[in-house]
Amino acid sequence: MKRLHIHVGVENLDQSIRFYNALFGAEPVKTKPDYAKWMLDSPHVNFAISTRTGDTGVNHLGIQVDKESELAELRTRLKKADMAVVDEGETVCCYARSDKSWVHDPAGIPWEAYRTMEDAEIFKAEKPAASGCGAPQTESAGCCAPESKTSSGECCS
C-alpha cells in the first residue's frame, strides 16, 4: 500500500494541532513536543507538522510504502525518469527508523520515497560520516532531505 506524505513547518504546534484535528476530524497518532503526525485513511495520507523546519509551509512531500519491494519499485522508477536519486538508506528521522531515498522534482521540491520499520524515541540519529540526516548536500529547503537543517543545524522531517 502506498500513502502520500506531506510535512508542513509550523510556528505554533499546539494551535496547529487543534486546527488539523478539526480539519481531519481525527487526533494525531504521534505527538512530541516539536512534532505531530496523522495517518489518515480518507484521504490516504501521512500528514506531519513540526517546529523543526526553520520555515513555515510545505517542507517536503513523499510516498510512504509498506514493503521493501514497493520501495525498490519506486527507486527504479525514479532512476528511469533520470532523476538524481539520493539513496539515504536506513536512518532515524521524525521519530521513526526508515529506509529512504530523496529526489527533487523539476520545481525543486524535495520528495522522499521511504518505508518505515518502527517508531523511535529520538527525532533524528547522528551519522558521523554524513551531514543532515545522511543525504549528500544539495540546494534544498526540505527537512531531512539533502542539506536540510534548521537554523540550529539540526535535521528535521
Foldseek 3Di string as FASTA:
>chain_A
DKAKEWEWEDQDPVVVQVVVCVVQVHHFPDDDPFKTWHCDVVVRHIYMYGNWLQDGGTQAMEMEDADPVVLVVVVVVCVVVVWPKWFQQWWAAQQFTKGWIWTAPPVRGIYIYIYTDGGHPDHTDDDVVAAFRRTDADPGSHFSHHPGGHPVRHGHD
